[in-house]
Amino acid sequence: MKDINKAATEEEVGVLHGLITTLHKLKATALIDEVRMLLENGCMAQEIIALIESKDLMAMQKWVEYNKISCILPADDDDSELSKSLKALKESQAGKVIQFTQEETGA
């Protein structure tokens, strides 16, 4: 049987959940801002990718999956902040993204 005296209260878990969510959001926002700045300054995709810590992205991804967070934008919502932000990011990456293709081999 679990020792109830050592269990966290619902309020304590809520505070911890809020803190972790806030930290992930701050880290993601800072990363997006840094990537945008680097793209605006002409950095190549390889240089930007080298700066990104995959463990941070994986931790955020696991947090989203664990909390069953999802998002569905209405098809006609081109004026949302997320749509505008994604469109601007996509436009800023034009010509700077490495395209990986499978080369044909003559066997």
PDB file of N, CA and C in Angstrom:
ATOM      1  N   MET A   1       0.839  -1.178   0.000  1.00  0.00           N
ATOM      2  CA  MET A   1       0.000   0.000   0.000  1.00  0.00           C
ATOM      3  C   MET A   1       0.890   1.250   0.000  1.00  0.00           C
ATOM      4  N   LYS A   2       0.481   2.239  -0.779  1.00  0.00           N
ATOM      5  CA  LYS A   2       1.270   3.463  -0.879  1.00  0.00           C
ATOM      6  C   LYS A   2       1.158   4.279   0.400  1.00  0.00           C
ATOM      7  N   ASP A   3       2.243   4.966   0.715  1.00  0.00           N
ATOM      8  CA  ASP A   3       2.252   5.871   1.858  1.00  0.00           C
ATOM      9  C   ASP A   3       1.606   7.184   1.422  1.00  0.00           C
ATOM     10  N   ILE A   4       0.404   7.438   1.888  1.00  0.00           N
ATOM     11  CA  ILE A   4      -0.346   8.631   1.487  1.00  0.00           C
ATOM     12  C   ILE A   4       0.374   9.910   1.927  1.00  0.00           C
ATOM     13  N   ASN A   5       1.147   9.852   2.968  1.00  0.00           N
ATOM     14  CA  ASN A   5       1.846  11.040   3.462  1.00  0.00           C
ATOM     15  C   ASN A   5       2.892  11.546   2.476  1.00  0.00           C
ATOM     16  N   LYS A   6       3.370  10.684   1.571  1.00  0.00           N
ATOM     17  CA  LYS A   6       4.396  11.077   0.607  1.00  0.00           C
ATOM     18  C   LYS A   6       3.809  11.426  -0.757  1.00  0.00           C
ATOM     19  N   ALA A   7       2.513  11.207  -0.939  1.00  0.00           N
ATOM     20  CA  ALA A   7       1.883  11.485  -2.224  1.00  0.00           C
ATOM     21  C   ALA A   7       1.679  12.990  -2.394  1.00  0.00           C
ATOM     22  N   ALA A   8       1.835  13.451  -3.614  1.00  0.00           N
ATOM     23  CA  ALA A   8       1.610  14.867  -3.913  1.00  0.00           C
ATOM     24  C   ALA A   8       0.116  15.130  -3.970  1.00  0.00           C
ATOM     25  N   THR A   9      -0.255  16.328  -3.588  1.00  0.00           N
ATOM     26  CA  THR A   9      -1.655  16.714  -3.694  1.00  0.00           C
ATOM     27  C   THR A   9      -1.969  17.074  -5.147  1.00  0.00           C
ATOM     28  N   GLU A  10      -3.238  17.121  -5.464  1.00  0.00           N
ATOM     29  CA  GLU A  10      -3.647  17.502  -6.819  1.00  0.00           C
ATOM     30  C   GLU A  10      -3.159  18.910  -7.130  1.00  0.00           C
ATOM     31  N   GLU A  11      -3.189  19.784  -6.167  1.00  0.00           N
ATOM     32  CA  GLU A  11      -2.716  21.162  -6.366  1.00  0.00           C
ATOM     33  C   GLU A  11      -1.220  21.190  -6.638  1.00  0.00           C
ATOM     34  N   GLU A  12      -0.444  20.391  -5.901  1.00  0.00           N
ATOM     35  CA  GLU A  12       1.006  20.340  -6.113  1.00  0.00           C
ATOM     36  C   GLU A  12       1.343  19.799  -7.503  1.00  0.00           C
ATOM     37  N   VAL A  13       0.629  18.782  -7.938  1.00  0.00           N
ATOM     38  CA  VAL A  13       0.848  18.227  -9.270  1.00  0.00           C
ATOM     39  C   VAL A  13       0.476  19.265 -10.323  1.00  0.00           C
ATOM     40  N   GLY A  14      -0.598  20.007 -10.085  1.00  0.00           N
ATOM     41  CA  GLY A  14      -1.010  21.062 -11.016  1.00  0.00           C
ATOM     42  C   GLY A  14       0.043  22.147 -11.149  1.00  0.00           C
ATOM     43  N   VAL A  15       0.636  22.533 -10.037  1.00  0.00           N
ATOM     44  CA  VAL A  15       1.696  23.550 -10.056  1.00  0.00           C
ATOM     45  C   VAL A  15       2.901  23.028 -10.842  1.00  0.00           C
ATOM     46  N   LEU A  16       3.295  21.796 -10.600  1.00  0.00           N
ATOM     47  CA  LEU A  16       4.424  21.192 -11.316  1.00  0.00           C
ATOM     48  C   LEU A  16       4.119  21.093 -12.803  1.00  0.00           C
ATOM     49  N   HIS A  17       2.915  20.650 -13.139  1.00  0.00           N
ATOM     50  CA  HIS A  17       2.506  20.547 -14.544  1.00  0.00           C
ATOM     51  C   HIS A  17       2.578  21.913 -15.220  1.00  0.00           C
ATOM     52  N   GLY A  18       2.081  22.938 -14.555  1.00  0.00           N
ATOM     53  CA  GLY A  18       2.131  24.295 -15.101  1.00  0.00           C
ATOM     54  C   GLY A  18       3.553  24.790 -15.300  1.00  0.00           C
ATOM     55  N   LEU A  19       4.423  24.490 -14.357  1.00  0.00           N
ATOM     56  CA  LEU A  19       5.824  24.904 -14.454  1.00  0.00           C
ATOM     57  C   LEU A  19       6.512  24.235 -15.646  1.00  0.00           C
ATOM     58  N   ILE A  20       6.323  22.924 -15.778  1.00  0.00           N
ATOM     59  CA  ILE A  20       6.955  22.204 -16.887  1.00  0.00           C
ATOM     60  C   ILE A  20       6.414  22.707 -18.217  1.00  0.00           C
ATOM     61  N   THR A  21       5.109  22.928 -18.299  1.00  0.00           N
ATOM     62  CA  THR A  21       4.502  23.444 -19.529  1.00  0.00           C
ATOM     63  C   THR A  21       5.070  24.816 -19.874  1.00  0.00           C
ATOM     64  N   THR A  22       5.190  25.680 -18.879  1.00  0.00           N
ATOM     65  CA  THR A  22       5.737  27.021 -19.097  1.00  0.00           C
ATOM     66  C   THR A  22       7.181  26.954 -19.577  1.00  0.00           C
ATOM     67  N   LEU A  23       7.987  26.094 -18.975  1.00  0.00           N
ATOM     68  CA  LEU A  23       9.389  25.967 -19.384  1.00  0.00           C
ATOM     69  C   LEU A  23       9.514  25.453 -20.817  1.00  0.00           C
ATOM     70  N   HIS A  24       8.704  24.460 -21.173  1.00  0.00           N
ATOM     71  CA  HIS A  24       8.732  23.962 -22.558  1.00  0.00           C
ATOM     72  C   HIS A  24       8.306  25.066 -23.527  1.00  0.00           C
ATOM     73  N   LYS A  25       7.286  25.816 -23.167  1.00  0.00           N
ATOM     74  CA  LYS A  25       6.813  26.891 -24.042  1.00  0.00           C
ATOM     75  C   LYS A  25       7.886  27.972 -24.200  1.00  0.00           C
ATOM     76  N   LEU A  26       8.549  28.351 -23.118  1.00  0.00           N
ATOM     77  CA  LEU A  26       9.618  29.349 -23.188  1.00  0.00           C
ATOM     78  C   LEU A  26      10.774  28.865 -24.066  1.00  0.00           C
ATOM     79  N   LYS A  27      11.149  27.593 -23.881  1.00  0.00           N
ATOM     80  CA  LYS A  27      12.261  27.031 -24.656  1.00  0.00           C
ATOM     81  C   LYS A  27      11.898  26.965 -26.139  1.00  0.00           C
ATOM     82  N   ALA A  28      10.675  26.529 -26.447  1.00  0.00           N
ATOM     83  CA  ALA A  28      10.238  26.437 -27.846  1.00  0.00           C
ATOM     84  C   ALA A  28      10.175  27.815 -28.489  1.00  0.00           C
ATOM     85  N   THR A  29       9.648  28.791 -27.764  1.00  0.00           N
ATOM     86  CA  THR A  29       9.559  30.156 -28.286  1.00  0.00           C
ATOM     87  C   THR A  29      10.949  30.723 -28.554  1.00  0.00           C
ATOM     88  N   ALA A  30      11.872  30.517 -27.629  1.00  0.00           N
ATOM     89  CA  ALA A  30      13.242  31.007 -27.805  1.00  0.00           C
ATOM     90  C   ALA A  30      13.906  30.334 -29.007  1.00  0.00           C
ATOM     91  N   LEU A  31      13.669  29.042 -29.169  1.00  0.00           N
ATOM     92  CA  LEU A  31      14.251  28.307 -30.290  1.00  0.00           C
ATOM     93  C   LEU A  31      13.694  28.814 -31.615  1.00  0.00           C
ATOM     94  N   ILE A  32      12.391  29.001 -31.685  1.00  0.00           N
ATOM     95  CA  ILE A  32      11.766  29.519 -32.912  1.00  0.00           C
ATOM     96  C   ILE A  32      12.295  30.916 -33.228  1.00  0.00           C
ATOM     97  N   ASP A  33      12.393  31.761 -32.228  1.00  0.00           N
ATOM     98  CA  ASP A  33      12.915  33.120 -32.438  1.00  0.00           C
ATOM     99  C   ASP A  33      14.357  33.084 -32.943  1.00  0.00           C
ATOM    100  N   GLU A  34      15.169  32.200 -32.368  1.00  0.00           N
ATOM    101  CA  GLU A  34      16.571  32.100 -32.791  1.00  0.00           C
ATOM    102  C   GLU A  34      16.677  31.587 -34.225  1.00  0.00           C
ATOM    103  N   VAL A  35      15.876  30.599 -34.575  1.00  0.00           N
ATOM    104  CA  VAL A  35      15.893  30.059 -35.937  1.00  0.00           C
ATOM    105  C   VAL A  35      15.476  31.141 -36.928  1.00  0.00           C
ATOM    106  N   ARG A  36      14.435  31.887 -36.609  1.00  0.00           N
ATOM    107  CA  ARG A  36      13.992  32.973 -37.496  1.00  0.00           C
ATOM    108  C   ARG A  36      15.101  34.004 -37.692  1.00  0.00           C
ATOM    109  N   MET A  37      15.766  34.386 -36.600  1.00  0.00           N
ATOM    110  CA  MET A  37      16.833  35.377 -36.684  1.00  0.00           C
ATOM    111  C   MET A  37      17.977  34.861 -37.565  1.00  0.00           C
ATOM    112  N   LEU A  38      18.349  33.599 -37.364  1.00  0.00           N
ATOM    113  CA  LEU A  38      19.430  33.026 -38.152  1.00  0.00           C
ATOM    114  C   LEU A  38      19.060  32.957 -39.632  1.00  0.00           C
ATOM    115  N   LEU A  39      17.820  32.587 -39.925  1.00  0.00           N
ATOM    116  CA  LEU A  39      17.371  32.550 -41.316  1.00  0.00           C
ATOM    117  C   LEU A  39      17.393  33.941 -41.934  1.00  0.00           C
ATOM    118  N   GLU A  40      16.947  34.935 -41.174  1.00  0.00           N
ATOM    119  CA  GLU A  40      16.950  36.319 -41.668  1.00  0.00           C
ATOM    120  C   GLU A  40      18.367  36.814 -41.932  1.00  0.00           C
ATOM    121  N   ASN A  41      19.327  36.293 -41.182  1.00  0.00           N
ATOM    122  CA  ASN A  41      20.723  36.697 -41.354  1.00  0.00           C
ATOM    123  C   ASN A  41      21.468  35.830 -42.364  1.00  0.00           C
ATOM    124  N   GLY A  42      20.728  34.980 -43.072  1.00  0.00           N
ATOM    125  CA  GLY A  42      21.328  34.206 -44.151  1.00  0.00           C
ATOM    126  C   GLY A  42      22.027  32.931 -43.755  1.00  0.00           C
ATOM    127  N   CYS A  43      21.836  32.454 -42.546  1.00  0.00           N
ATOM    128  CA  CYS A  43      22.463  31.191 -42.143  1.00  0.00           C
ATOM    129  C   CYS A  43      21.868  30.036 -42.933  1.00  0.00           C
ATOM    130  N   MET A  44      22.679  29.070 -43.205  1.00  0.00           N
ATOM    131  CA  MET A  44      22.246  27.892 -43.945  1.00  0.00           C
ATOM    132  C   MET A  44      21.599  26.892 -42.992  1.00  0.00           C
ATOM    133  N   ALA A  45      20.773  26.020 -43.553  1.00  0.00           N
ATOM    134  CA  ALA A  45      20.037  25.035 -42.762  1.00  0.00           C
ATOM    135  C   ALA A  45      20.968  24.173 -41.905  1.00  0.00           C
ATOM    136  N   GLN A  46      22.125  23.780 -42.470  1.00  0.00           N
ATOM    137  CA  GLN A  46      23.054  22.928 -41.727  1.00  0.00           C
ATOM    138  C   GLN A  46      23.532  23.608 -40.442  1.00  0.00           C
ATOM    139  N   GLU A  47      23.803  24.909 -40.524  1.00  0.00           N
ATOM    140  CA  GLU A  47      24.273  25.662 -39.354  1.00  0.00           C
ATOM    141  C   GLU A  47      23.194  25.733 -38.282  1.00  0.00           C
ATOM    142  N   ILE A  48      21.962  25.910 -38.725  1.00  0.00           N
ATOM    143  CA  ILE A  48      20.847  26.019 -37.786  1.00  0.00           C
ATOM    144  C   ILE A  48      20.570  24.677 -37.129  1.00  0.00           C
ATOM    145  N   ILE A  49      20.564  23.618 -37.927  1.00  0.00           N
ATOM    146  CA  ILE A  49      20.305  22.279 -37.400  1.00  0.00           C
ATOM    147  C   ILE A  49      21.351  21.901 -36.364  1.00  0.00           C
ATOM    148  N   ALA A  50      22.597  22.320 -36.575  1.00  0.00           N
ATOM    149  CA  ALA A  50      23.673  22.001 -35.637  1.00  0.00           C
ATOM    150  C   ALA A  50      23.448  22.633 -34.264  1.00  0.00           C
ATOM    151  N   LEU A  51      22.688  23.713 -34.216  1.00  0.00           N
ATOM    152  CA  LEU A  51      22.432  24.401 -32.941  1.00  0.00           C
ATOM    153  C   LEU A  51      21.282  23.803 -32.148  1.00  0.00           C
ATOM    154  N   ILE A  52      20.447  23.018 -32.792  1.00  0.00           N
ATOM    155  CA  ILE A  52      19.240  22.492 -32.149  1.00  0.00           C
ATOM    156  C   ILE A  52      19.566  21.224 -31.377  1.00  0.00           C
ATOM    157  N   GLU A  53      19.172  21.221 -30.123  1.00  0.00           N
ATOM    158  CA  GLU A  53      19.376  20.052 -29.266  1.00  0.00           C
ATOM    159  C   GLU A  53      18.189  19.109 -29.447  1.00  0.00           C
ATOM    160  N   SER A  54      18.439  17.947 -30.046  1.00  0.00           N
ATOM    161  CA  SER A  54      17.343  17.014 -30.294  1.00  0.00           C
ATOM    162  C   SER A  54      16.724  16.511 -28.994  1.00  0.00           C
ATOM    163  N   LYS A  55      17.508  16.459 -27.912  1.00  0.00           N
ATOM    164  CA  LYS A  55      16.949  15.992 -26.638  1.00  0.00           C
ATOM    165  C   LYS A  55      15.877  16.967 -26.130  1.00  0.00           C
ATOM    166  N   ASP A  56      16.048  18.254 -26.390  1.00  0.00           N
ATOM    167  CA  ASP A  56      15.034  19.232 -25.995  1.00  0.00           C
ATOM    168  C   ASP A  56      13.750  19.030 -26.796  1.00  0.00           C
ATOM    169  N   LEU A  57      13.900  18.826 -28.105  1.00  0.00           N
ATOM    170  CA  LEU A  57      12.733  18.599 -28.944  1.00  0.00           C
ATOM    171  C   LEU A  57      12.020  17.313 -28.547  1.00  0.00           C
ATOM    172  N   MET A  58      12.781  16.279 -28.242  1.00  0.00           N
ATOM    173  CA  MET A  58      12.187  15.005 -27.837  1.00  0.00           C
ATOM    174  C   MET A  58      11.439  15.146 -26.515  1.00  0.00           C
ATOM    175  N   ALA A  59      11.989  15.913 -25.580  1.00  0.00           N
ATOM    176  CA  ALA A  59      11.321  16.117 -24.297  1.00  0.00           C
ATOM    177  C   ALA A  59       9.996  16.847 -24.495  1.00  0.00           C
ATOM    178  N   MET A  60       9.998  17.856 -25.370  1.00  0.00           N
ATOM    179  CA  MET A  60       8.763  18.585 -25.654  1.00  0.00           C
ATOM    180  C   MET A  60       7.749  17.680 -26.337  1.00  0.00           C
ATOM    181  N   GLN A  61       8.217  16.878 -27.298  1.00  0.00           N
ATOM    182  CA  GLN A  61       7.330  15.968 -28.007  1.00  0.00           C
ATOM    183  C   GLN A  61       6.695  14.968 -27.039  1.00  0.00           C
ATOM    184  N   LYS A  62       7.498  14.394 -26.163  1.00  0.00           N
ATOM    185  CA  LYS A  62       6.978  13.434 -25.184  1.00  0.00           C
ATOM    186  C   LYS A  62       5.957  14.092 -24.267  1.00  0.00           C
ATOM    187  N   TRP A  63       6.203  15.331 -23.875  1.00  0.00           N
ATOM    188  CA  TRP A  63       5.284  16.056 -23.010  1.00  0.00           C
ATOM    189  C   TRP A  63       3.938  16.261 -23.717  1.00  0.00           C
ATOM    190  N   VAL A  64       3.997  16.630 -24.976  1.00  0.00           N
ATOM    191  CA  VAL A  64       2.775  16.831 -25.765  1.00  0.00           C
ATOM    192  C   VAL A  64       2.022  15.512 -25.902  1.00  0.00           C
ATOM    193  N   GLU A  65       2.733  14.442 -26.249  1.00  0.00           N
ATOM    194  CA  GLU A  65       2.094  13.135 -26.408  1.00  0.00           C
ATOM    195  C   GLU A  65       1.528  12.634 -25.086  1.00  0.00           C
ATOM    196  N   TYR A  66       2.282  12.754 -24.013  1.00  0.00           N
ATOM    197  CA  TYR A  66       1.853  12.272 -22.695  1.00  0.00           C
ATOM    198  C   TYR A  66       0.581  12.982 -22.241  1.00  0.00           C
ATOM    199  N   ASN A  67       0.484  14.263 -22.554  1.00  0.00           N
ATOM    200  CA  ASN A  67      -0.683  15.049 -22.154  1.00  0.00           C
ATOM    201  C   ASN A  67      -1.783  15.042 -23.214  1.00  0.00           C
ATOM    202  N   LYS A  68      -1.591  14.229 -24.263  1.00  0.00           N
ATOM    203  CA  LYS A  68      -2.590  14.053 -25.321  1.00  0.00           C
ATOM    204  C   LYS A  68      -3.044  15.394 -25.911  1.00  0.00           C
ATOM    205  N   ILE A  69      -2.056  16.239 -26.192  1.00  0.00           N
ATOM    206  CA  ILE A  69      -2.333  17.562 -26.746  1.00  0.00           C
ATOM    207  C   ILE A  69      -2.383  17.459 -28.257  1.00  0.00           C
ATOM    208  N   SER A  70      -3.407  18.020 -28.838  1.00  0.00           N
ATOM    209  CA  SER A  70      -3.523  18.037 -30.293  1.00  0.00           C
ATOM    210  C   SER A  70      -4.166  19.349 -30.717  1.00  0.00           C
ATOM    211  N   CYS A  71      -4.103  19.611 -32.005  1.00  0.00           N
ATOM    212  CA  CYS A  71      -4.650  20.857 -32.526  1.00  0.00           C
ATOM    213  C   CYS A  71      -5.163  20.627 -33.931  1.00  0.00           C
ATOM    214  N   ILE A  72      -6.340  21.106 -34.187  1.00  0.00           N
ATOM    215  CA  ILE A  72      -6.895  21.041 -35.530  1.00  0.00           C
ATOM    216  C   ILE A  72      -7.376  22.441 -35.871  1.00  0.00           C
ATOM    217  N   LEU A  73      -6.755  23.038 -36.874  1.00  0.00           N
ATOM    218  CA  LEU A  73      -7.169  24.370 -37.316  1.00  0.00           C
ATOM    219  C   LEU A  73      -8.299  24.252 -38.322  1.00  0.00           C
ATOM    220  N   PRO A  74      -9.275  25.118 -38.231  1.00  0.00           N
ATOM    221  CA  PRO A  74     -10.308  25.133 -39.270  1.00  0.00           C
ATOM    222  C   PRO A  74      -9.676  25.417 -40.622  1.00  0.00           C
ATOM    223  N   ALA A  75     -10.179  24.785 -41.664  1.00  0.00           N
ATOM    224  CA  ALA A  75      -9.592  24.910 -42.999  1.00  0.00           C
ATOM    225  C   ALA A  75      -9.611  26.340 -43.513  1.00  0.00           C
ATOM    226  N   ASP A  76     -10.587  27.138 -43.083  1.00  0.00           N
ATOM    227  CA  ASP A  76     -10.719  28.499 -43.602  1.00  0.00           C
ATOM    228  C   ASP A  76     -10.111  29.554 -42.683  1.00  0.00           C
ATOM    229  N   ASP A  77      -9.283  29.140 -41.746  1.00  0.00           N
ATOM    230  CA  ASP A  77      -8.729  30.076 -40.765  1.00  0.00           C
ATOM    231  C   ASP A  77      -7.311  30.492 -41.146  1.00  0.00           C
ATOM    232  N   ASP A  78      -7.177  31.183 -42.270  1.00  0.00           N
ATOM    233  CA  ASP A  78      -5.860  31.645 -42.717  1.00  0.00           C
ATOM    234  C   ASP A  78      -5.392  32.882 -41.960  1.00  0.00           C
ATOM    235  N   ASP A  79      -6.261  33.484 -41.153  1.00  0.00           N
ATOM    236  CA  ASP A  79      -5.909  34.696 -40.428  1.00  0.00           C
ATOM    237  C   ASP A  79      -5.479  34.435 -38.993  1.00  0.00           C
ATOM    238  N   SER A  80      -5.399  33.157 -38.578  1.00  0.00           N
ATOM    239  CA  SER A  80      -4.989  32.862 -37.211  1.00  0.00           C
ATOM    240  C   SER A  80      -3.505  33.201 -37.035  1.00  0.00           C
ATOM    241  N   GLU A  81      -3.112  33.456 -35.810  1.00  0.00           N
ATOM    242  CA  GLU A  81      -1.703  33.770 -35.523  1.00  0.00           C
ATOM    243  C   GLU A  81      -0.804  32.593 -35.901  1.00  0.00           C
ATOM    244  N   LEU A  82      -1.269  31.367 -35.636  1.00  0.00           N
ATOM    245  CA  LEU A  82      -0.468  30.193 -35.976  1.00  0.00           C
ATOM    246  C   LEU A  82      -0.290  30.083 -37.485  1.00  0.00           C
ATOM    247  N   SER A  83      -1.360  30.290 -38.242  1.00  0.00           N
ATOM    248  CA  SER A  83      -1.268  30.224 -39.705  1.00  0.00           C
ATOM    249  C   SER A  83      -0.305  31.272 -40.237  1.00  0.00           C
ATOM    250  N   LYS A  84      -0.406  32.491 -39.719  1.00  0.00           N
ATOM    251  CA  LYS A  84       0.485  33.568 -40.155  1.00  0.00           C
ATOM    252  C   LYS A  84       1.937  33.241 -39.819  1.00  0.00           C
ATOM    253  N   SER A  85       2.163  32.726 -38.602  1.00  0.00           N
ATOM    254  CA  SER A  85       3.513  32.403 -38.161  1.00  0.00           C
ATOM    255  C   SER A  85       4.118  31.277 -39.004  1.00  0.00           C
ATOM    256  N   LEU A  86       3.342  30.226 -39.253  1.00  0.00           N
ATOM    257  CA  LEU A  86       3.840  29.117 -40.059  1.00  0.00           C
ATOM    258  C   LEU A  86       4.111  29.551 -41.495  1.00  0.00           C
ATOM    259  N   LYS A  87       3.240  30.393 -42.041  1.00  0.00           N
ATOM    260  CA  LYS A  87       3.441  30.889 -43.411  1.00  0.00           C
ATOM    261  C   LYS A  87       4.720  31.723 -43.496  1.00  0.00           C
ATOM    262  N   ALA A  88       4.937  32.602 -42.513  1.00  0.00           N
ATOM    263  CA  ALA A  88       6.142  33.442 -42.505  1.00  0.00           C
ATOM    264  C   ALA A  88       7.393  32.590 -42.375  1.00  0.00           C
ATOM    265  N   LEU A  89       7.350  31.576 -41.514  1.00  0.00           N
ATOM    266  CA  LEU A  89       8.505  30.700 -41.331  1.00  0.00           C
ATOM    267  C   LEU A  89       8.793  29.923 -42.613  1.00  0.00           C
ATOM    268  N   LYS A  90       7.748  29.419 -43.266  1.00  0.00           N
ATOM    269  CA  LYS A  90       7.921  28.676 -44.516  1.00  0.00           C
ATOM    270  C   LYS A  90       8.514  29.570 -45.595  1.00  0.00           C
ATOM    271  N   GLU A  91       8.027  30.801 -45.693  1.00  0.00           N
ATOM    272  CA  GLU A  91       8.548  31.736 -46.695  1.00  0.00           C
ATOM    273  C   GLU A  91      10.007  32.095 -46.422  1.00  0.00           C
ATOM    274  N   SER A  92      10.368  32.222 -45.147  1.00  0.00           N
ATOM    275  CA  SER A  92      11.748  32.588 -44.818  1.00  0.00           C
ATOM    276  C   SER A  92      12.717  31.450 -45.104  1.00  0.00           C
ATOM    277  N   GLN A  93      12.214  30.232 -45.184  1.00  0.00           N
ATOM    278  CA  GLN A  93      13.069  29.072 -45.440  1.00  0.00           C
ATOM    279  C   GLN A  93      13.222  28.770 -46.924  1.00  0.00           C
ATOM    280  N   ALA A  94      12.492  29.458 -47.758  1.00  0.00           N
ATOM    281  CA  ALA A  94      12.532  29.188 -49.203  1.00  0.00           C
ATOM    282  C   ALA A  94      13.968  29.237 -49.710  1.00  0.00           C
ATOM    283  N   GLY A  95      14.392  28.180 -50.327  1.00  0.00           N
ATOM    284  CA  GLY A  95      15.737  28.105 -50.887  1.00  0.00           C
ATOM    285  C   GLY A  95      16.814  27.773 -49.880  1.00  0.00           C
ATOM    286  N   LYS A  96      16.470  27.639 -48.606  1.00  0.00           N
ATOM    287  CA  LYS A  96      17.475  27.365 -47.581  1.00  0.00           C
ATOM    288  C   LYS A  96      17.313  25.977 -46.968  1.00  0.00           C
ATOM    289  N   VAL A  97      16.326  25.229 -47.429  1.00  0.00           N
ATOM    290  CA  VAL A  97      16.066  23.904 -46.896  1.00  0.00           C
ATOM    291  C   VAL A  97      16.742  22.876 -47.789  1.00  0.00           C
ATOM    292  N   ILE A  98      17.406  21.947 -47.175  1.00  0.00           N
ATOM    293  CA  ILE A  98      18.092  20.892 -47.917  1.00  0.00           C
ATOM    294  C   ILE A  98      17.055  19.862 -48.343  1.00  0.00           C
ATOM    295  N   GLN A  99      17.011  19.576 -49.636  1.00  0.00           N
ATOM    296  CA  GLN A  99      16.100  18.563 -50.155  1.00  0.00           C
ATOM    297  C   GLN A  99      16.862  17.243 -50.259  1.00  0.00           C
ATOM    298  N   PHE A 100      16.374  16.221 -49.582  1.00  0.00           N
ATOM    299  CA  PHE A 100      16.995  14.911 -49.649  1.00  0.00           C
ATOM    300  C   PHE A 100      16.248  14.075 -50.677  1.00  0.00           C
ATOM    301  N   THR A 101      16.974  13.544 -51.639  1.00  0.00           N
ATOM    302  CA  THR A 101      16.370  12.692 -52.650  1.00  0.00           C
ATOM    303  C   THR A 101      17.200  11.437 -52.776  1.00  0.00           C
ATOM    304  N   GLN A 102      16.527  10.374 -53.178  1.00  0.00           N
ATOM    305  CA  GLN A 102      17.233   9.120 -53.381  1.00  0.00           C
ATOM    306  C   GLN A 102      17.786   9.103 -54.794  1.00  0.00           C
ATOM    307  N   GLU A 103      19.085   8.914 -54.890  1.00  0.00           N
ATOM    308  CA  GLU A 103      19.726   8.887 -56.199  1.00  0.00           C
ATOM    309  C   GLU A 103      19.494   7.535 -56.843  1.00  0.00           C
ATOM    310  N   GLU A 104      19.282   7.581 -58.141  1.00  0.00           N
ATOM    311  CA  GLU A 104      19.131   6.329 -58.871  1.00  0.00           C
ATOM    312  C   GLU A 104      20.504   5.711 -59.089  1.00  0.00           C
ATOM    313  N   THR A 105      20.584   4.436 -58.900  1.00  0.00           N
ATOM    314  CA  THR A 105      21.852   3.745 -59.118  1.00  0.00           C
ATOM    315  C   THR A 105      21.719   2.820 -60.309  1.00  0.00           C
ATOM    316  N   GLY A 106      22.716   2.828 -61.089  1.00  0.00           N
ATOM    317  CA  GLY A 106      22.713   1.941 -62.263  1.00  0.00           C
ATOM    318  C   GLY A 106      23.318   0.609 -61.891  1.00  0.00           C
ATOM    319  N   ALA A 107      22.471  -0.378 -61.730  1.00  0.00           N
ATOM    320  CA  ALA A 107      22.965  -1.707 -61.331  1.00  0.00           C
ATOM    321  C   ALA A 107      22.945  -2.655 -62.474  1.00  0.00           C
TER     322      ALA A 107
END
